[in-house]
C-alpha atoms as a PDB file:
ATOM      1  CA  MET A   1     -12.396  -0.001  -2.073  1.00  0.00           C
ATOM      2  CA  ILE A   2      -9.733   2.082  -2.445  1.00  0.00           C
ATOM      3  CA  ILE A   3      -6.164   0.611  -1.992  1.00  0.00           C
ATOM      4  CA  SER A   4      -2.302   2.271  -2.094  1.00  0.00           C
ATOM      5  CA  LYS A   5       0.352   1.551  -4.209  1.00  0.00           C
ATOM      6  CA  TYR A   6       1.902  -0.721  -1.446  1.00  0.00           C
ATOM      7  CA  GLU A   7      -1.275  -2.854  -1.312  1.00  0.00           C
ATOM      8  CA  LEU A   8      -1.208  -3.141  -5.155  1.00  0.00           C
ATOM      9  CA  SER A   9       2.063  -4.540  -4.912  1.00  0.00           C
ATOM     10  CA  ASN A  10       0.939  -7.442  -2.783  1.00  0.00           C
ATOM     11  CA  ILE A  11      -2.783  -7.901  -3.908  1.00  0.00           C
ATOM     12  CA  PRO A  12      -3.302  -8.358  -7.380  1.00  0.00           C
ATOM     13  CA  PHE A  13      -6.042  -7.153  -9.363  1.00  0.00           C
ATOM     14  CA  THR A  14      -7.801 -10.261 -11.114  1.00  0.00           C
ATOM     15  CA  ARG A  15     -10.861 -12.244 -11.303  1.00  0.00           C
ATOM     16  CA  ARG A  16     -12.776 -15.715 -10.722  1.00  0.00           C
ATOM     17  CA  GLY A  17     -11.099 -18.216 -13.217  1.00  0.00           C
ATOM     18  CA  SER A  18      -8.241 -16.242 -14.414  1.00  0.00           C
ATOM     19  CA  TYR A  19      -4.612 -16.956 -14.549  1.00  0.00           C
ATOM     20  CA  LEU A  20      -4.118 -13.306 -15.436  1.00  0.00           C
ATOM     21  CA  ARG A  21      -3.228 -11.210 -12.702  1.00  0.00           C
ATOM     22  CA  ILE A  22      -2.103  -7.424 -12.525  1.00  0.00           C
ATOM     23  CA  LEU A  23       0.563  -5.664 -10.120  1.00  0.00           C
ATOM     24  CA  ILE A  24       2.623  -2.852  -9.624  1.00  0.00           C
ATOM     25  CA  ASP A  25       6.220  -2.769  -9.132  1.00  0.00           C
ATOM     26  CA  LYS A  26       8.206  -0.271  -6.864  1.00  0.00           C
ATOM     27  CA  ASP A  27       9.158   2.035  -9.888  1.00  0.00           C
ATOM     28  CA  ASN A  28       5.374   2.401 -10.652  1.00  0.00           C
ATOM     29  CA  ASN A  29       5.415   0.138 -13.709  1.00  0.00           C
ATOM     30  CA  ILE A  30       1.950  -1.729 -14.302  1.00  0.00           C
ATOM     31  CA  LEU A  31       2.516  -5.509 -14.272  1.00  0.00           C
ATOM     32  CA  ILE A  32       0.594  -8.104 -16.201  1.00  0.00           C
ATOM     33  CA  GLY A  33       1.319 -11.649 -15.167  1.00  0.00           C
ATOM     34  CA  HIS A  34       0.090 -15.044 -15.934  1.00  0.00           C
ATOM     35  CA  LEU A  35       0.076 -18.008 -13.567  1.00  0.00           C
ATOM     36  CA  THR A  36       0.473 -20.825 -15.552  1.00  0.00           C
ATOM     37  CA  GLY A  37       3.233 -23.231 -13.986  1.00  0.00           C
ATOM     38  CA  GLY A  38       2.756 -22.303 -10.633  1.00  0.00           C
ATOM     39  CA  ASP A  39       5.227 -20.333  -8.169  1.00  0.00           C
ATOM     40  CA  ASP A  40       8.466 -21.763  -9.544  1.00  0.00           C
ATOM     41  CA  ILE A  41       8.197 -19.596 -12.711  1.00  0.00           C
ATOM     42  CA  GLU A  42       8.677 -15.782 -13.140  1.00  0.00           C
ATOM     43  CA  LYS A  43       5.120 -14.821 -13.517  1.00  0.00           C
ATOM     44  CA  GLU A  44       5.198 -11.046 -15.425  1.00  0.00           C
ATOM     45  CA  ILE A  45       5.056 -11.197 -19.028  1.00  0.00           C
ATOM     46  CA  ILE A  46       4.127  -7.680 -19.819  1.00  0.00           C
ATOM     47  CA  ARG A  47       5.261  -4.548 -18.221  1.00  0.00           C
ATOM     48  CA  ILE A  48       3.118  -1.216 -19.016  1.00  0.00           C
ATOM     49  CA  ASN A  49       5.248   1.917 -18.310  1.00  0.00           C
ATOM     50  CA  VAL A  50       3.775   5.235 -17.820  1.00  0.00           C
ATOM     51  CA  SER A  51       5.873   8.097 -17.398  1.00  0.00           C
ATOM     52  CA  GLU A  52       4.089  10.201 -14.719  1.00  0.00           C
ATOM     53  CA  LYS A  53       3.593   9.671 -11.075  1.00  0.00           C
ATOM     54  CA  ILE A  54       0.600   8.101  -9.713  1.00  0.00           C
ATOM     55  CA  LYS A  55      -2.061  10.429  -8.021  1.00  0.00           C
ATOM     56  CA  ASP A  56      -4.552   7.747  -7.042  1.00  0.00           C
ATOM     57  CA  ILE A  57      -5.591   4.212  -7.110  1.00  0.00           C
ATOM     58  CA  VAL A  58      -9.385   2.835  -7.070  1.00  0.00           C
ATOM     59  CA  MET A  59      -9.826  -0.933  -7.085  1.00  0.00           C
ATOM     60  CA  LEU A  60     -13.202  -2.171  -7.069  1.00  0.00           C
ATOM     61  CA  PRO A  61     -13.702  -6.287  -7.339  1.00  0.00           C
ATOM     62  CA  TYR A  62     -14.391  -5.534 -11.144  1.00  0.00           C
ATOM     63  CA  LEU A  63     -12.671  -2.213 -12.132  1.00  0.00           C
ATOM     64  CA  LEU A  64      -8.957  -1.119 -11.540  1.00  0.00           C
ATOM     65  CA  LYS A  65      -8.391   2.746 -12.044  1.00  0.00           C
ATOM     66  CA  ILE A  66      -5.150   4.068 -11.846  1.00  0.00           C
ATOM     67  CA  GLU A  67      -4.968   8.038 -12.069  1.00  0.00           C
ATOM     68  CA  TYR A  68      -1.929  10.193 -13.200  1.00  0.00           C
ATOM     69  CA  LYS A  69      -1.686  13.896 -13.304  1.00  0.00           C
ATOM     70  CA  VAL A  70      -2.287  13.844 -17.059  1.00  0.00           C
ATOM     71  CA  GLY A  71      -4.963  11.065 -17.389  1.00  0.00           C
ATOM     72  CA  GLU A  72      -6.204   7.465 -16.140  1.00  0.00           C
ATOM     73  CA  ILE A  73      -5.687   3.901 -17.236  1.00  0.00           C
ATOM     74  CA  HIS A  74      -8.418   1.574 -16.486  1.00  0.00           C
ATOM     75  CA  PHE A  75      -8.705  -2.722 -16.223  1.00  0.00           C
ATOM     76  CA  THR A  76     -11.341  -4.957 -16.016  1.00  0.00           C
ATOM     77  CA  PHE A  77     -12.141  -8.388 -17.412  1.00  0.00           C
ATOM     78  CA  SER A  78     -14.847  -9.581 -19.864  1.00  0.00           C
ATOM     79  CA  ASN A  79     -14.355 -13.028 -18.790  1.00  0.00           C
ATOM     80  CA  SER A  80     -11.496 -15.242 -17.182  1.00  0.00           C
ATOM     81  CA  ASN A  81      -9.813 -15.133 -20.840  1.00  0.00           C
ATOM     82  CA  ILE A  82     -10.022 -11.477 -21.990  1.00  0.00           C
ATOM     83  CA  LEU A  83      -8.572  -8.394 -19.808  1.00  0.00           C
ATOM     84  CA  LYS A  84      -9.763  -5.202 -20.883  1.00  0.00           C
ATOM     85  CA  ILE A  85      -7.390  -1.801 -20.832  1.00  0.00           C
ATOM     86  CA  LYS A  86      -8.751   1.445 -21.132  1.00  0.00           C
ATOM     87  CA  THR A  87      -6.932   4.640 -20.965  1.00  0.00           C
ATOM     88  CA  TYR A  88      -8.031   8.247 -21.008  1.00  0.00           C
ATOM     89  CA  LYS A  89      -5.735  11.093 -22.259  1.00  0.00           C
ATOM     90  CA  LEU A  90      -2.794   8.558 -21.824  1.00  0.00           C
ATOM     91  CA  PRO A  91      -0.837   6.551 -24.390  1.00  0.00           C
ATOM     92  CA  ILE A  92       0.313   3.320 -23.318  1.00  0.00           C
ATOM     93  CA  LYS A  93       3.835   1.746 -23.895  1.00  0.00           C
ATOM     94  CA  SER A  94       3.939  -1.988 -23.239  1.00  0.00           C
ATOM     95  CA  GLU A  95       7.191  -3.879 -23.092  1.00  0.00           C
ATOM     96  CA  PHE A  96       6.984  -7.814 -23.861  1.00  0.00           C
ATOM     97  CA  LEU A  97       8.965  -9.657 -21.234  1.00  0.00           C
ATOM     98  CA  THR A  98      10.613 -12.376 -23.488  1.00  0.00           C
ATOM     99  CA  LYS A  99      12.627 -15.467 -22.949  1.00  0.00           C
ATOM    100  CA  SER A 100      13.969 -18.580 -24.304  1.00  0.00           C
ATOM    101  CA  TYR A 101      12.296 -18.994 -27.946  1.00  0.00           C
ATOM    102  CA  ASP A 102       9.396 -16.204 -27.354  1.00  0.00           C
ATOM    103  CA  TYR A 103       8.347 -14.303 -30.158  1.00  0.00           C
ATOM    104  CA  VAL A 104       6.369 -11.393 -30.644  1.00  0.00           C
ATOM    105  CA  ILE A 105       4.980 -10.619 -34.032  1.00  0.00           C
ATOM    106  CA  GLU A 106       1.847  -8.597 -35.984  1.00  0.00           C
ATOM    107  CA  ARG A 107      -0.892 -11.211 -37.394  1.00  0.00           C
ATOM    108  CA  SER A 108      -2.896  -8.787 -38.758  1.00  0.00           C
ATOM    109  CA  ASN A 109      -4.249  -5.201 -38.524  1.00  0.00           C
ATOM    110  CA  TYR A 110      -4.783  -4.379 -34.822  1.00  0.00           C
ATOM    111  CA  LEU A 111      -3.581  -7.916 -33.652  1.00  0.00           C
ATOM    112  CA  VAL A 112      -0.428  -8.908 -31.973  1.00  0.00           C
ATOM    113  CA  GLU A 113       0.499 -12.423 -30.961  1.00  0.00           C
ATOM    114  CA  PHE A 114       2.985 -13.323 -28.095  1.00  0.00           C
ATOM    115  CA  ASN A 115       3.999 -16.658 -28.209  1.00  0.00           C
ATOM    116  CA  CYS A 116       5.453 -17.348 -24.422  1.00  0.00           C
ATOM    117  CA  SER A 117       7.087 -20.588 -25.470  1.00  0.00           C
ATOM    118  CA  HIS A 118       8.846 -20.895 -22.111  1.00  0.00           C
ATOM    119  CA  ARG A 119       5.521 -20.890 -20.256  1.00  0.00           C
ATOM    120  CA  ASN A 120       3.984 -24.081 -21.358  1.00  0.00           C
ATOM    121  CA  ASN A 121       2.671 -23.148 -24.433  1.00  0.00           C
ATOM    122  CA  LEU A 122       1.175 -19.794 -23.591  1.00  0.00           C
ATOM    123  CA  PHE A 123      -0.145 -17.627 -26.347  1.00  0.00           C
ATOM    124  CA  LEU A 124      -1.528 -14.164 -25.759  1.00  0.00           C
ATOM    125  CA  PHE A 125      -3.183 -12.225 -28.487  1.00  0.00           C
ATOM    126  CA  ILE A 126      -3.132  -8.325 -28.111  1.00  0.00           C
ATOM    127  CA  LYS A 127      -6.421  -6.823 -29.851  1.00  0.00           C
ATOM    128  CA  ILE A 128      -5.845  -3.018 -30.532  1.00  0.00           C
ATOM    129  CA  GLU A 129      -9.545  -1.659 -30.162  1.00  0.00           C
ATOM    130  CA  GLU A 130      -8.918   1.915 -30.400  1.00  0.00           C
ATOM    131  CA  GLY A 131      -5.973   4.102 -30.620  1.00  0.00           C
ATOM    132  CA  GLU A 132      -2.896   4.150 -33.189  1.00  0.00           C
ATOM    133  CA  TYR A 133      -0.389   1.669 -32.449  1.00  0.00           C
ATOM    134  CA  LYS A 134       3.392   0.877 -33.567  1.00  0.00           C
ATOM    135  CA  LEU A 135       5.217  -2.112 -32.773  1.00  0.00           C
ATOM    136  CA  ILE A 136       8.916  -2.299 -32.502  1.00  0.00           C
ATOM    137  CA  ASN A 137      10.717  -5.807 -32.529  1.00  0.00           C
ATOM    138  CA  LYS A 138      14.406  -6.656 -32.253  1.00  0.00           C
ATOM    139  CA  TRP A 139      14.915 -10.226 -33.357  1.00  0.00           C
ATOM    140  CA  ASP A 140      17.765 -12.340 -32.674  1.00  0.00           C
ATOM    141  CA  GLY A 141      17.881 -15.357 -34.570  1.00  0.00           C
ATOM    142  CA  LEU A 142      16.244 -17.397 -32.312  1.00  0.00           C
ATOM    143  CA  ARG A 143      13.742 -14.947 -30.192  1.00  0.00           C
ATOM    144  CA  THR A 144      12.237 -11.552 -29.814  1.00  0.00           C
ATOM    145  CA  GLU A 145      14.883 -10.138 -27.677  1.00  0.00           C
ATOM    146  CA  TYR A 146      13.044  -6.841 -27.517  1.00  0.00           C
ATOM    147  CA  SER A 147       9.633  -5.657 -28.422  1.00  0.00           C
ATOM    148  CA  ILE A 148       7.627  -2.617 -27.235  1.00  0.00           C
ATOM    149  CA  LEU A 149       4.177  -2.029 -28.161  1.00  0.00           C
ATOM    150  CA  SER A 150       3.187   1.769 -28.042  1.00  0.00           C
ATOM    151  CA  ILE A 151      -0.412   3.236 -28.605  1.00  0.00           C
ATOM    152  CA  THR A 152      -1.594   6.468 -28.737  1.00  0.00           C
ATOM    153  CA  PRO A 153      -5.192   7.566 -28.176  1.00  0.00           C
ATOM    154  CA  ILE A 154      -7.818   8.576 -30.857  1.00  0.00           C
ATOM    155  CA  ARG A 155     -10.429  10.945 -29.483  1.00  0.00           C
ATOM    156  CA  GLU A 156      -8.528  10.805 -26.200  1.00  0.00           C
ATOM    157  CA  CYS A 157      -8.875   7.263 -25.601  1.00  0.00           C
ATOM    158  CA  CYS A 158      -7.182   3.926 -26.109  1.00  0.00           C
ATOM    159  CA  GLU A 159      -8.663   0.631 -25.882  1.00  0.00           C
ATOM    160  CA  LEU A 160      -7.415  -3.038 -26.233  1.00  0.00           C
ATOM    161  CA  ALA A 161      -7.665  -6.537 -24.871  1.00  0.00           C
ATOM    162  CA  VAL A 162      -5.555  -9.302 -23.719  1.00  0.00           C
ATOM    163  CA  LEU A 163      -6.787 -12.497 -24.936  1.00  0.00           C
ATOM    164  CA  ASP A 164      -5.361 -15.756 -22.961  1.00  0.00           C
ATOM    165  CA  LEU A 165      -6.439 -17.970 -25.966  1.00  0.00           C
ATOM    166  CA  LYS A 166      -4.751 -20.896 -27.745  1.00  0.00           C
ATOM    167  CA  CYS A 167      -5.475 -19.157 -31.144  1.00  0.00           C
ATOM    168  CA  GLU A 168      -7.483 -15.868 -32.263  1.00  0.00           C
ATOM    169  CA  ASN A 169     -10.854 -16.814 -33.747  1.00  0.00           C
ATOM    170  CA  PRO A 170     -11.766 -14.048 -35.719  1.00  0.00           C
ATOM    171  CA  GLN A 171     -15.095 -14.438 -35.093  1.00  0.00           C
ATOM    172  CA  TYR A 172     -14.612 -14.115 -31.442  1.00  0.00           C
ATOM    173  CA  SER A 173     -16.896 -11.585 -29.637  1.00  0.00           C
ATOM    174  CA  ILE A 174     -15.289  -9.275 -27.154  1.00  0.00           C
ATOM    175  CA  PRO A 175     -17.568  -7.076 -25.171  1.00  0.00           C
ATOM    176  CA  SER A 176     -16.875  -3.524 -24.826  1.00  0.00           C
ATOM    177  CA  PHE A 177     -15.218  -1.911 -21.683  1.00  0.00           C
ATOM    178  CA  ALA A 178     -18.379  -0.893 -20.220  1.00  0.00           C
ATOM    179  CA  GLU A 179     -20.241  -4.116 -20.770  1.00  0.00           C
ATOM    180  CA  SER A 180     -17.635  -5.990 -19.478  1.00  0.00           C
ATOM    181  CA  VAL A 181     -17.496  -4.019 -16.207  1.00  0.00           C
ATOM    182  CA  ASN A 182     -21.048  -4.572 -15.928  1.00  0.00           C
ATOM    183  CA  LYS A 183     -20.983  -8.290 -16.145  1.00  0.00           C
ATOM    184  CA  THR A 184     -17.896  -8.831 -13.902  1.00  0.00           C
ATOM    185  CA  ARG A 185     -19.962  -6.392 -11.423  1.00  0.00           C
ATOM    186  CA  LYS A 186     -22.935  -8.562 -11.441  1.00  0.00           C
ATOM    187  CA  GLU A 187     -21.021 -12.066 -11.092  1.00  0.00           C
ATOM    188  CA  PHE A 188     -19.056 -10.750  -7.981  1.00  0.00           C
ATOM    189  CA  GLU A 189     -21.962  -9.268  -6.443  1.00  0.00           C
ATOM    190  CA  ALA A 190     -23.860 -12.756  -7.185  1.00  0.00           C
ATOM    191  CA  PHE A 191     -21.053 -14.215  -5.138  1.00  0.00           C
ATOM    192  CA  SER A 192     -20.868 -11.713  -2.461  1.00  0.00           C
ATOM    193  CA  SER A 193     -24.775 -11.759  -1.633  1.00  0.00           C
ATOM    194  CA  ASN A 194     -24.108 -14.988  -0.328  1.00  0.00           C
ATOM    195  CA  PHE A 195     -22.302 -13.601   2.589  1.00  0.00           C
ATOM    196  CA  LYS A 196     -24.695 -11.819   4.773  1.00  0.00           C
ATOM    197  CA  ILE A 197     -22.103  -9.215   6.447  1.00  0.00           C
ATOM    198  CA  GLY A 198     -19.955  -6.496   5.930  1.00  0.00           C
ATOM    199  CA  ASN A 199     -21.556  -5.130   2.657  1.00  0.00           C
ATOM    200  CA  ASN A 200     -20.335  -1.481   3.767  1.00  0.00           C
ATOM    201  CA  ASN A 201     -17.023  -2.582   5.393  1.00  0.00           C
ATOM    202  CA  PRO A 202     -13.941  -2.220   3.231  1.00  0.00           C
ATOM    203  CA  GLN A 203     -11.933  -4.958   4.613  1.00  0.00           C
ATOM    204  CA  ILE A 204     -14.880  -7.310   4.469  1.00  0.00           C
ATOM    205  CA  THR A 205     -15.228  -6.699   0.865  1.00  0.00           C
ATOM    206  CA  LEU A 206     -11.409  -6.944   0.329  1.00  0.00           C
ATOM    207  CA  ALA A 207     -11.909 -10.628   1.967  1.00  0.00           C
ATOM    208  CA  LYS A 208     -14.746 -11.599  -0.018  1.00  0.00           C
ATOM    209  CA  TYR A 209     -12.921 -10.297  -3.350  1.00  0.00           C
ATOM    210  CA  ILE A 210      -9.868 -12.383  -2.185  1.00  0.00           C
ATOM    211  CA  LEU A 211     -11.980 -15.413  -1.976  1.00  0.00           C
ATOM    212  CA  TRP A 212     -13.752 -14.829  -5.279  1.00  0.00           C
ATOM    213  CA  ALA A 213     -10.499 -14.128  -7.131  1.00  0.00           C
ATOM    214  CA  ASN A 214      -8.190 -16.812  -6.102  1.00  0.00           C
ATOM    215  CA  THR A 215     -10.209 -19.374  -7.907  1.00  0.00           C
ATOM    216  CA  VAL A 216      -8.630 -20.560 -11.043  1.00  0.00           C
ATOM    217  CA  SER A 217     -10.415 -22.607 -14.114  1.00  0.00           C
ATOM    218  CA  LEU A 218      -9.679 -25.805 -15.459  1.00  0.00           C
ATOM    219  CA  ARG A 219      -6.505 -25.874 -17.259  1.00  0.00           C
ATOM    220  CA  GLY A 220      -3.727 -28.476 -17.963  1.00  0.00           C
ATOM    221  CA  LEU A 221      -3.757 -30.772 -15.068  1.00  0.00           C
ATOM    222  CA  ILE A 222      -6.338 -28.853 -13.036  1.00  0.00           C
ATOM    223  CA  LYS A 223      -9.752 -30.815 -13.841  1.00  0.00           C
ATOM    224  CA  TYR A 224     -11.917 -28.897 -11.611  1.00  0.00           C
ATOM    225  CA  GLU A 225     -12.397 -25.275 -10.645  1.00  0.00           C
ATOM    226  CA  GLY A 226      -9.595 -24.701  -7.559  1.00  0.00           C
ATOM    227  CA  TYR A 227      -8.002 -22.207  -5.395  1.00  0.00           C
ATOM    228  CA  PHE A 228      -4.806 -20.823  -5.505  1.00  0.00           C
ATOM    229  CA  SER A 229      -3.442 -19.885  -2.272  1.00  0.00           C
ATOM    230  CA  SER A 230      -2.556 -16.675  -3.484  1.00  0.00           C
ATOM    231  CA  LYS A 231      -2.337 -15.259  -6.827  1.00  0.00           C
ATOM    232  CA  ASN A 232       0.894 -13.134  -5.922  1.00  0.00           C
ATOM    233  CA  LYS A 233       3.337 -15.611  -4.442  1.00  0.00           C
ATOM    234  CA  MET A 234       1.728 -18.548  -3.486  1.00  0.00           C
ATOM    235  CA  SER A 235       0.102 -19.881  -6.796  1.00  0.00           C
ATOM    236  CA  ASN A 236      -0.549 -23.284  -6.406  1.00  0.00           C
ATOM    237  CA  ILE A 237      -3.695 -25.492  -4.989  1.00  0.00           C
ATOM    238  CA  TRP A 238      -2.248 -26.651  -1.922  1.00  0.00           C
ATOM    239  CA  SER A 239      -3.685 -29.939  -0.344  1.00  0.00           C
ATOM    240  CA  TRP A 240      -3.554 -28.405   3.204  1.00  0.00           C
ATOM    241  CA  ASP A 241      -4.237 -24.609   2.988  1.00  0.00           C
ATOM    242  CA  VAL A 242      -7.269 -25.148   0.315  1.00  0.00           C
ATOM    243  CA  LEU A 243      -9.213 -26.595   3.506  1.00  0.00           C
ATOM    244  CA  PHE A 244      -8.858 -23.445   5.336  1.00  0.00           C
ATOM    245  CA  THR A 245     -10.102 -21.542   1.998  1.00  0.00           C
ATOM    246  CA  ILE A 246     -13.137 -23.587   1.632  1.00  0.00           C
ATOM    247  CA  ILE A 247     -14.306 -23.583   5.095  1.00  0.00           C
ATOM    248  CA  PRO A 248     -16.352 -20.308   4.914  1.00  0.00           C
ATOM    249  CA  ILE A 249     -17.798 -21.429   1.689  1.00  0.00           C
ATOM    250  CA  ILE A 250     -18.591 -24.854   1.763  1.00  0.00           C
ATOM    251  CA  GLU A 251     -22.448 -24.375   2.948  1.00  0.00           C
ATOM    252  CA  LYS A 252     -23.054 -21.747   0.168  1.00  0.00           C
ATOM    253  CA  PHE A 253     -21.045 -23.034  -2.525  1.00  0.00           C
ATOM    254  CA  PRO A 254     -20.872 -26.992  -2.046  1.00  0.00           C
ATOM    255  CA  ASP A 255     -19.607 -27.893  -5.826  1.00  0.00           C
ATOM    256  CA  LEU A 256     -16.745 -25.434  -5.734  1.00  0.00           C
ATOM    257  CA  SER A 257     -15.762 -26.778  -2.337  1.00  0.00           C
ATOM    258  CA  PHE A 258     -15.882 -30.438  -2.921  1.00  0.00           C
ATOM    259  CA  ASP A 259     -14.076 -29.769  -6.732  1.00  0.00           C
ATOM    260  CA  ASN A 260     -11.261 -28.680  -4.775  1.00  0.00           C
ATOM    261  CA  LEU A 261     -10.870 -32.029  -3.284  1.00  0.00           C
ATOM    262  CA  ARG A 262     -11.706 -33.667  -6.273  1.00  0.00           C
ATOM    263  CA  ILE A 263      -8.857 -32.194  -7.797  1.00  0.00           C
ATOM    264  CA  PHE A 264      -6.279 -34.128  -5.526  1.00  0.00           C
ATOM    265  CA  PHE A 265      -8.246 -37.561  -5.635  1.00  0.00           C
ATOM    266  CA  SER A 266      -8.111 -37.011  -9.200  1.00  0.00           C
ATOM    267  CA  ILE A 267      -4.295 -37.565  -8.747  1.00  0.00           C
ATOM    268  CA  GLN A 268      -4.175 -39.570  -5.809  1.00  0.00           C
ATOM    269  CA  ARG A 269      -1.513 -42.683  -6.021  1.00  0.00           C
ATOM    270  CA  GLU A 270      -2.514 -46.064  -5.785  1.00  0.00           C
ATOM    271  CA  ASP A 271      -0.872 -46.406  -2.380  1.00  0.00           C
ATOM    272  CA  GLY A 272      -2.945 -43.382  -1.320  1.00  0.00           C
ATOM    273  CA  LEU A 273      -0.279 -40.473  -1.374  1.00  0.00           C
ATOM    274  CA  ILE A 274      -1.768 -37.069  -2.076  1.00  0.00           C
ATOM    275  CA  PRO A 275       0.426 -34.777  -3.750  1.00  0.00           C
ATOM    276  CA  ASP A 276       1.529 -31.457  -1.616  1.00  0.00           C
ATOM    277  CA  PHE A 277       0.224 -28.879  -4.369  1.00  0.00           C
ATOM    278  CA  ILE A 278      -0.924 -29.026  -8.107  1.00  0.00           C
ATOM    279  CA  ASN A 279      -0.545 -26.282 -10.793  1.00  0.00           C
ATOM    280  CA  ASP A 280      -1.810 -26.597 -14.279  1.00  0.00           C
ATOM    281  CA  ILE A 281       1.707 -28.239 -15.457  1.00  0.00           C
ATOM    282  CA  TYR A 282       2.799 -30.184 -12.499  1.00  0.00           C
ATOM    283  CA  PHE A 283       2.139 -31.648  -8.807  1.00  0.00           C
ATOM    284  CA  HIS A 284       4.408 -32.176  -6.076  1.00  0.00           C
ATOM    285  CA  GLU A 285       4.668 -35.918  -4.644  1.00  0.00           C
ATOM    286  CA  ASN A 286       8.000 -35.395  -2.585  1.00  0.00           C
ATOM    287  CA  PHE A 287       6.256 -33.866   0.362  1.00  0.00           C
ATOM    288  CA  CYS A 288       2.665 -34.562   1.631  1.00  0.00           C
ATOM    289  CA  LYS A 289       0.645 -33.712   4.468  1.00  0.00           C
ATOM    290  CA  PRO A 290      -1.231 -35.688   6.969  1.00  0.00           C
ATOM    291  CA  PRO A 291      -4.363 -37.253   6.016  1.00  0.00           C
ATOM    292  CA  LEU A 292      -6.479 -33.778   6.656  1.00  0.00           C
ATOM    293  CA  LEU A 293      -8.734 -34.389   3.899  1.00  0.00           C
ATOM    294  CA  ASP A 294     -10.017 -37.596   5.194  1.00  0.00           C
ATOM    295  CA  ILE A 295     -10.310 -35.988   8.698  1.00  0.00           C
ATOM    296  CA  PHE A 296     -12.019 -32.898   6.892  1.00  0.00           C
ATOM    297  CA  LEU A 297     -14.669 -35.105   5.207  1.00  0.00           C
ATOM    298  CA  ASN A 298     -15.368 -36.956   8.086  1.00  0.00           C
ATOM    299  CA  THR A 299     -16.228 -33.918  10.068  1.00  0.00           C
ATOM    300  CA  SER A 300     -18.066 -31.913   7.604  1.00  0.00           C
END
């Protein structure tokens, strides 16, 4: 599916289970966001600036390609916790969007740690797999106030991995970019094959992608795999909206469907109240919906 710059500003590139997502802003910067903490927290944590106009964007469920006059930048996922980035004839200049007591440090050769302390103990590790890099930091005594990671190509390519992990394990195996594309493609195709319509229809493919990609894995208070209403604006699991999301999948994916309900039953109050929404950090009890979960279960 080919999408426009406008669409990539609204429909993020992500994958099933991941809290990482990619959007593009009005200035053509590429924004890497993380969805921990729901929609009350600013999501963008890394901004990639390319000082060239975008020529074309191709987004497949398993591969995002952004083409410029002088080169290309590609994104894929190895799994829900590893985002892979590769460029062709294009340097990368990434700014870490630090706040409060965040810091960026070089842990070892070709490994940079981003401690997002304001984001519920979020740690990211940037592993430079190909390319020459330079890390520039400005420390103000309390946090890294300003941090830029620049990577220039070797043999015309840069390649790196963004690891959404609590700690970096030196023995952790990171698949190559091509392997990651192939693995994620197979995962999406296995999901998509359960729907016997619209295999050649771009809009239906997009709908399948959104249905596949809006899931999040277990994290914090989220004890089962669940559906965010959106990985753009509405990044919580909502007790009302999730019912509409699972209607088209409940026959083929009963476990995933009922896991979304179990999330709310796991935090149901003794008086029966089910919170309005939940994310990995908190849930909201000040508002609640009519007992739709009971109605849904009794009519399914």
